[in-house]
């Protein structure tokens, strides 16, 4: 429970701290993402030696690469570039609304059923 609270606290601070760092001219959005992705990569590689070893099919490496680029790097870059042009409050509202919009659009365009669990 404590770990979840700490993560949510840091996630909430992310908007304000990132905006302050970008406004101060210390780091631009692209540099911010390079630092985050490189730092996370380094931490995962260092900690990977402590976890269980699993065989990964070589066909999956390309999928992992594409998922990393679009699911992490491009997503964060767009978020921080948008944060550069707006306030932390507006950015947090947009980030909160995004899953709701995905649910509505999937119901409308893909004709997916909106269940109570999805809601």
N, C-alpha and C. Protein backbone atom coordinates (compact mmCIF):
# COMPACT_ATOMS: atom_id res chain seq x y z
N UNK A 1 0.83 -1.19 0.00
CA UNK A 1 0.00 0.00 0.00
C UNK A 1 0.87 1.25 0.00
N UNK A 2 1.94 1.22 0.78
CA UNK A 2 2.83 2.38 0.85
C UNK A 2 3.46 2.66 -0.51
N UNK A 3 3.87 1.61 -1.21
CA UNK A 3 4.48 1.78 -2.53
C UNK A 3 3.49 2.42 -3.50
N UNK A 4 2.24 2.04 -3.44
CA UNK A 4 1.22 2.61 -4.33
C UNK A 4 1.02 4.09 -4.02
N UNK A 5 0.98 4.44 -2.77
CA UNK A 5 0.82 5.84 -2.37
C UNK A 5 2.02 6.67 -2.85
N UNK A 6 3.23 6.13 -2.68
CA UNK A 6 4.44 6.85 -3.11
C UNK A 6 4.43 7.04 -4.63
N UNK A 7 4.07 5.99 -5.36
CA UNK A 7 4.03 6.10 -6.82
C UNK A 7 3.01 7.15 -7.25
N UNK A 8 1.83 7.15 -6.67
CA UNK A 8 0.81 8.13 -7.03
C UNK A 8 1.25 9.55 -6.66
N UNK A 9 1.92 9.69 -5.54
CA UNK A 9 2.45 10.99 -5.13
C UNK A 9 3.46 11.51 -6.15
N UNK A 10 4.39 10.64 -6.54
CA UNK A 10 5.39 11.03 -7.54
C UNK A 10 4.75 11.31 -8.89
N UNK A 11 3.76 10.52 -9.26
CA UNK A 11 3.06 10.75 -10.53
C UNK A 11 2.38 12.11 -10.52
N UNK A 12 1.77 12.47 -9.40
CA UNK A 12 1.13 13.77 -9.29
C UNK A 12 2.13 14.92 -9.34
N UNK A 13 3.29 14.73 -8.71
CA UNK A 13 4.33 15.76 -8.74
C UNK A 13 4.97 15.89 -10.12
N UNK A 14 4.91 14.85 -10.91
CA UNK A 14 5.53 14.83 -12.23
C UNK A 14 5.12 16.03 -13.07
N UNK A 15 3.84 16.37 -13.08
CA UNK A 15 3.34 17.47 -13.91
C UNK A 15 4.00 18.78 -13.51
N UNK A 16 3.96 19.09 -12.23
CA UNK A 16 4.48 20.37 -11.76
C UNK A 16 6.00 20.44 -11.87
N UNK A 17 6.68 19.40 -11.44
CA UNK A 17 8.14 19.41 -11.50
C UNK A 17 8.64 19.48 -12.94
N UNK A 18 8.03 18.70 -13.82
CA UNK A 18 8.45 18.71 -15.22
C UNK A 18 8.23 20.09 -15.84
N UNK A 19 7.10 20.70 -15.53
CA UNK A 19 6.81 22.04 -16.06
C UNK A 19 7.83 23.05 -15.54
N UNK A 20 8.15 22.97 -14.25
CA UNK A 20 9.15 23.89 -13.68
C UNK A 20 10.51 23.71 -14.32
N UNK A 21 10.92 22.47 -14.55
CA UNK A 21 12.22 22.20 -15.17
C UNK A 21 12.24 22.73 -16.60
N UNK A 22 11.13 22.54 -17.33
CA UNK A 22 11.08 23.02 -18.71
C UNK A 22 11.02 24.54 -18.76
N UNK A 23 10.27 25.17 -17.85
CA UNK A 23 10.18 26.63 -17.82
C UNK A 23 11.53 27.26 -17.47
N UNK A 24 12.27 26.60 -16.60
CA UNK A 24 13.58 27.11 -16.22
C UNK A 24 14.60 27.00 -17.34
N UNK A 25 14.25 26.30 -18.39
CA UNK A 25 15.15 26.15 -19.53
C UNK A 25 16.25 25.13 -19.30
N UNK A 26 16.13 24.35 -18.24
CA UNK A 26 17.15 23.35 -17.93
C UNK A 26 17.14 22.21 -18.94
N UNK A 27 15.94 21.72 -19.23
CA UNK A 27 15.79 20.58 -20.12
C UNK A 27 14.53 20.79 -20.96
N UNK A 28 14.66 20.56 -22.25
CA UNK A 28 13.49 20.62 -23.14
C UNK A 28 12.79 19.26 -23.12
N UNK A 29 11.56 19.18 -23.68
CA UNK A 29 10.81 17.92 -23.63
C UNK A 29 11.57 16.71 -24.18
N UNK A 30 12.25 16.86 -25.32
CA UNK A 30 12.95 15.72 -25.89
C UNK A 30 14.08 15.26 -24.96
N UNK A 31 14.82 16.19 -24.39
CA UNK A 31 15.88 15.84 -23.45
C UNK A 31 15.33 15.17 -22.20
N UNK A 32 14.17 15.64 -21.75
CA UNK A 32 13.52 15.05 -20.58
C UNK A 32 13.21 13.58 -20.85
N UNK A 33 12.70 13.28 -22.02
CA UNK A 33 12.33 11.91 -22.36
C UNK A 33 13.58 11.04 -22.51
N UNK A 34 14.63 11.58 -23.12
CA UNK A 34 15.87 10.82 -23.24
C UNK A 34 16.39 10.45 -21.85
N UNK A 35 16.35 11.40 -20.92
CA UNK A 35 16.81 11.12 -19.56
C UNK A 35 15.94 10.06 -18.88
N UNK A 36 14.62 10.18 -19.03
CA UNK A 36 13.71 9.22 -18.38
C UNK A 36 13.87 7.82 -18.96
N UNK A 37 13.89 7.72 -20.30
CA UNK A 37 13.99 6.41 -20.94
C UNK A 37 15.35 5.79 -20.67
N UNK A 38 16.42 6.58 -20.75
CA UNK A 38 17.76 6.05 -20.49
C UNK A 38 17.88 5.62 -19.03
N UNK A 39 17.35 6.42 -18.12
CA UNK A 39 17.40 6.06 -16.70
C UNK A 39 16.62 4.79 -16.40
N UNK A 40 15.43 4.68 -16.97
CA UNK A 40 14.62 3.48 -16.76
C UNK A 40 15.28 2.26 -17.36
N UNK A 41 15.86 2.43 -18.55
CA UNK A 41 16.56 1.31 -19.19
C UNK A 41 17.72 0.83 -18.33
N UNK A 42 18.49 1.76 -17.82
CA UNK A 42 19.62 1.40 -16.97
C UNK A 42 19.15 0.67 -15.70
N UNK A 43 18.10 1.19 -15.07
CA UNK A 43 17.58 0.54 -13.87
C UNK A 43 17.05 -0.86 -14.16
N UNK A 44 16.31 -1.01 -15.26
CA UNK A 44 15.79 -2.34 -15.60
C UNK A 44 16.91 -3.32 -15.89
N UNK A 45 17.94 -2.87 -16.61
CA UNK A 45 19.05 -3.77 -16.90
C UNK A 45 19.78 -4.17 -15.63
N UNK A 46 20.00 -3.22 -14.74
CA UNK A 46 20.70 -3.53 -13.49
C UNK A 46 19.88 -4.48 -12.61
N UNK A 47 18.56 -4.25 -12.55
CA UNK A 47 17.70 -5.08 -11.70
C UNK A 47 17.31 -6.40 -12.36
N UNK A 48 17.51 -6.52 -13.66
CA UNK A 48 17.11 -7.75 -14.36
C UNK A 48 17.92 -8.95 -13.88
N UNK A 49 19.09 -8.72 -13.36
CA UNK A 49 19.92 -9.83 -12.87
C UNK A 49 19.35 -10.44 -11.59
N UNK A 50 18.49 -9.70 -10.91
CA UNK A 50 17.91 -10.19 -9.66
C UNK A 50 16.65 -11.02 -9.87
N UNK A 51 16.02 -10.88 -11.03
CA UNK A 51 14.75 -11.56 -11.29
C UNK A 51 14.92 -12.90 -11.96
N UNK A 52 13.80 -13.57 -12.21
CA UNK A 52 13.85 -14.87 -12.88
C UNK A 52 14.24 -14.70 -14.35
N UNK A 53 14.85 -15.71 -14.90
CA UNK A 53 15.27 -15.70 -16.30
C UNK A 53 14.21 -16.41 -17.14
N UNK A 54 13.78 -15.77 -18.20
CA UNK A 54 12.81 -16.37 -19.10
C UNK A 54 13.34 -16.32 -20.52
N UNK A 55 13.06 -17.34 -21.28
CA UNK A 55 13.46 -17.39 -22.68
C UNK A 55 12.45 -16.58 -23.49
N UNK A 56 12.95 -15.63 -24.27
CA UNK A 56 12.10 -14.79 -25.11
C UNK A 56 12.31 -15.20 -26.55
N UNK A 57 11.22 -15.47 -27.24
CA UNK A 57 11.30 -15.85 -28.65
C UNK A 57 11.86 -14.68 -29.45
N UNK A 58 12.76 -14.95 -30.35
CA UNK A 58 13.42 -13.88 -31.11
C UNK A 58 12.42 -13.09 -31.96
N UNK A 59 11.30 -13.71 -32.34
CA UNK A 59 10.29 -12.99 -33.11
C UNK A 59 9.66 -11.87 -32.29
N UNK A 60 9.70 -11.98 -30.97
CA UNK A 60 9.06 -10.99 -30.11
C UNK A 60 9.92 -9.74 -29.90
N UNK A 61 11.19 -9.81 -30.21
CA UNK A 61 12.04 -8.63 -30.00
C UNK A 61 11.58 -7.44 -30.82
N UNK A 62 11.18 -7.65 -32.06
CA UNK A 62 10.69 -6.55 -32.90
C UNK A 62 9.42 -5.97 -32.30
N UNK A 63 8.52 -6.82 -31.82
CA UNK A 63 7.28 -6.35 -31.19
C UNK A 63 7.59 -5.53 -29.94
N UNK A 64 8.53 -5.99 -29.14
CA UNK A 64 8.94 -5.24 -27.95
C UNK A 64 9.50 -3.88 -28.33
N UNK A 65 10.30 -3.85 -29.39
CA UNK A 65 10.90 -2.59 -29.84
C UNK A 65 9.82 -1.61 -30.28
N UNK A 66 8.89 -2.06 -31.10
CA UNK A 66 7.80 -1.19 -31.57
C UNK A 66 6.95 -0.71 -30.39
N UNK A 67 6.63 -1.62 -29.48
CA UNK A 67 5.84 -1.25 -28.30
C UNK A 67 6.58 -0.22 -27.45
N UNK A 68 7.89 -0.38 -27.31
CA UNK A 68 8.68 0.57 -26.52
C UNK A 68 8.70 1.94 -27.17
N UNK A 69 8.85 1.96 -28.49
CA UNK A 69 8.91 3.25 -29.19
C UNK A 69 7.58 3.97 -29.10
N UNK A 70 6.48 3.30 -29.48
CA UNK A 70 5.19 3.97 -29.52
C UNK A 70 4.49 4.00 -28.17
N UNK A 71 4.66 2.97 -27.37
CA UNK A 71 3.96 2.93 -26.09
C UNK A 71 4.62 3.74 -25.00
N UNK A 72 5.92 3.95 -25.11
CA UNK A 72 6.64 4.68 -24.07
C UNK A 72 7.23 5.97 -24.61
N UNK A 73 8.20 5.87 -25.49
CA UNK A 73 8.96 7.04 -25.92
C UNK A 73 8.09 8.10 -26.61
N UNK A 74 7.37 7.72 -27.64
CA UNK A 74 6.55 8.69 -28.38
C UNK A 74 5.43 9.22 -27.49
N UNK A 75 4.82 8.33 -26.70
CA UNK A 75 3.75 8.75 -25.79
C UNK A 75 4.26 9.81 -24.81
N UNK A 76 5.39 9.55 -24.18
CA UNK A 76 5.94 10.51 -23.21
C UNK A 76 6.38 11.79 -23.91
N UNK A 77 6.98 11.67 -25.08
CA UNK A 77 7.42 12.86 -25.80
C UNK A 77 6.24 13.77 -26.13
N UNK A 78 5.15 13.18 -26.61
CA UNK A 78 3.97 13.98 -26.91
C UNK A 78 3.39 14.61 -25.65
N UNK A 79 3.38 13.86 -24.57
CA UNK A 79 2.86 14.40 -23.32
C UNK A 79 3.70 15.59 -22.85
N UNK A 80 5.03 15.44 -22.82
CA UNK A 80 5.87 16.53 -22.33
C UNK A 80 5.92 17.70 -23.29
N UNK A 81 5.81 17.44 -24.58
CA UNK A 81 5.73 18.54 -25.54
C UNK A 81 4.44 19.32 -25.33
N UNK A 82 3.34 18.61 -25.08
CA UNK A 82 2.07 19.27 -24.78
C UNK A 82 2.13 20.02 -23.46
N UNK A 83 2.80 19.45 -22.47
CA UNK A 83 2.95 20.11 -21.17
C UNK A 83 3.72 21.41 -21.31
N UNK A 84 4.62 21.47 -22.29
CA UNK A 84 5.39 22.68 -22.53
C UNK A 84 4.47 23.85 -22.91
N UNK A 85 3.33 23.53 -23.54
CA UNK A 85 2.43 24.57 -24.04
C UNK A 85 1.20 24.80 -23.15
N UNK A 86 1.06 24.10 -22.07
CA UNK A 86 -0.12 24.25 -21.23
C UNK A 86 0.28 24.24 -19.76
N UNK A 87 -0.72 24.21 -18.89
CA UNK A 87 -0.45 24.20 -17.46
C UNK A 87 -0.47 22.77 -16.93
N UNK A 88 0.14 22.53 -15.78
CA UNK A 88 0.10 21.19 -15.20
C UNK A 88 -1.32 20.70 -14.91
N UNK A 89 -2.21 21.60 -14.53
CA UNK A 89 -3.61 21.22 -14.26
C UNK A 89 -4.29 20.74 -15.53
N UNK A 90 -4.14 21.50 -16.61
CA UNK A 90 -4.76 21.08 -17.88
C UNK A 90 -4.18 19.76 -18.37
N UNK A 91 -2.87 19.58 -18.22
CA UNK A 91 -2.24 18.33 -18.66
C UNK A 91 -2.76 17.15 -17.86
N UNK A 92 -2.95 17.32 -16.55
CA UNK A 92 -3.45 16.22 -15.73
C UNK A 92 -4.90 15.89 -16.07
N UNK A 93 -5.70 16.91 -16.39
CA UNK A 93 -7.09 16.66 -16.79
C UNK A 93 -7.14 15.90 -18.11
N UNK A 94 -6.31 16.30 -19.05
CA UNK A 94 -6.27 15.60 -20.34
C UNK A 94 -5.83 14.15 -20.16
N UNK A 95 -4.81 13.92 -19.33
CA UNK A 95 -4.35 12.56 -19.08
C UNK A 95 -5.41 11.72 -18.40
N UNK A 96 -6.22 12.35 -17.55
CA UNK A 96 -7.29 11.62 -16.86
C UNK A 96 -8.45 11.31 -17.80
N UNK A 97 -8.71 12.19 -18.73
CA UNK A 97 -9.84 12.01 -19.65
C UNK A 97 -9.52 11.01 -20.77
N UNK A 98 -8.25 10.82 -21.09
CA UNK A 98 -7.87 9.96 -22.22
C UNK A 98 -8.48 8.56 -22.15
N UNK A 99 -8.41 7.83 -21.03
CA UNK A 99 -9.03 6.49 -21.00
C UNK A 99 -10.56 6.54 -21.18
N UNK A 100 -11.17 7.60 -20.71
CA UNK A 100 -12.63 7.76 -20.87
C UNK A 100 -12.95 7.93 -22.35
N UNK A 101 -12.17 8.74 -23.05
CA UNK A 101 -12.39 8.94 -24.48
C UNK A 101 -12.16 7.65 -25.27
N UNK A 102 -11.17 6.87 -24.87
CA UNK A 102 -10.92 5.59 -25.54
C UNK A 102 -12.13 4.67 -25.37
N UNK A 103 -12.70 4.62 -24.18
CA UNK A 103 -13.89 3.80 -23.93
C UNK A 103 -15.06 4.25 -24.81
N UNK A 104 -15.30 5.56 -24.86
CA UNK A 104 -16.40 6.09 -25.66
C UNK A 104 -16.18 5.81 -27.15
N UNK A 105 -14.97 6.06 -27.64
CA UNK A 105 -14.69 5.84 -29.06
C UNK A 105 -14.73 4.36 -29.43
N UNK A 106 -14.28 3.48 -28.52
CA UNK A 106 -14.34 2.05 -28.83
C UNK A 106 -15.79 1.57 -28.89
N UNK A 107 -16.65 2.15 -28.07
CA UNK A 107 -18.07 1.80 -28.13
C UNK A 107 -18.71 2.32 -29.41
N UNK A 108 -18.32 3.52 -29.80
CA UNK A 108 -18.92 4.15 -30.97
C UNK A 108 -18.38 3.55 -32.28
N UNK A 109 -17.06 3.49 -32.43
CA UNK A 109 -16.46 3.06 -33.70
C UNK A 109 -16.32 1.54 -33.82
N UNK A 110 -15.94 0.88 -32.73
CA UNK A 110 -15.72 -0.56 -32.78
C UNK A 110 -16.92 -1.36 -32.32
N UNK A 111 -17.94 -0.65 -31.89
CA UNK A 111 -19.19 -1.28 -31.42
C UNK A 111 -18.94 -2.23 -30.25
N UNK A 112 -17.95 -1.89 -29.40
CA UNK A 112 -17.69 -2.70 -28.22
C UNK A 112 -18.75 -2.40 -27.17
N UNK A 113 -19.11 -3.44 -26.43
CA UNK A 113 -20.11 -3.29 -25.39
C UNK A 113 -19.45 -2.64 -24.16
N UNK A 114 -20.09 -1.62 -23.62
CA UNK A 114 -19.60 -0.96 -22.42
C UNK A 114 -20.19 -1.68 -21.21
N UNK A 115 -19.36 -2.44 -20.56
CA UNK A 115 -19.81 -3.21 -19.38
C UNK A 115 -19.55 -2.38 -18.13
N UNK A 116 -20.12 -2.85 -17.03
CA UNK A 116 -19.91 -2.15 -15.76
C UNK A 116 -18.44 -2.17 -15.37
N UNK A 117 -17.75 -3.24 -15.69
CA UNK A 117 -16.32 -3.33 -15.38
C UNK A 117 -15.52 -2.31 -16.18
N UNK A 118 -15.83 -2.16 -17.45
CA UNK A 118 -15.16 -1.17 -18.28
C UNK A 118 -15.49 0.25 -17.83
N UNK A 119 -16.74 0.45 -17.42
CA UNK A 119 -17.19 1.77 -16.97
C UNK A 119 -16.48 2.14 -15.69
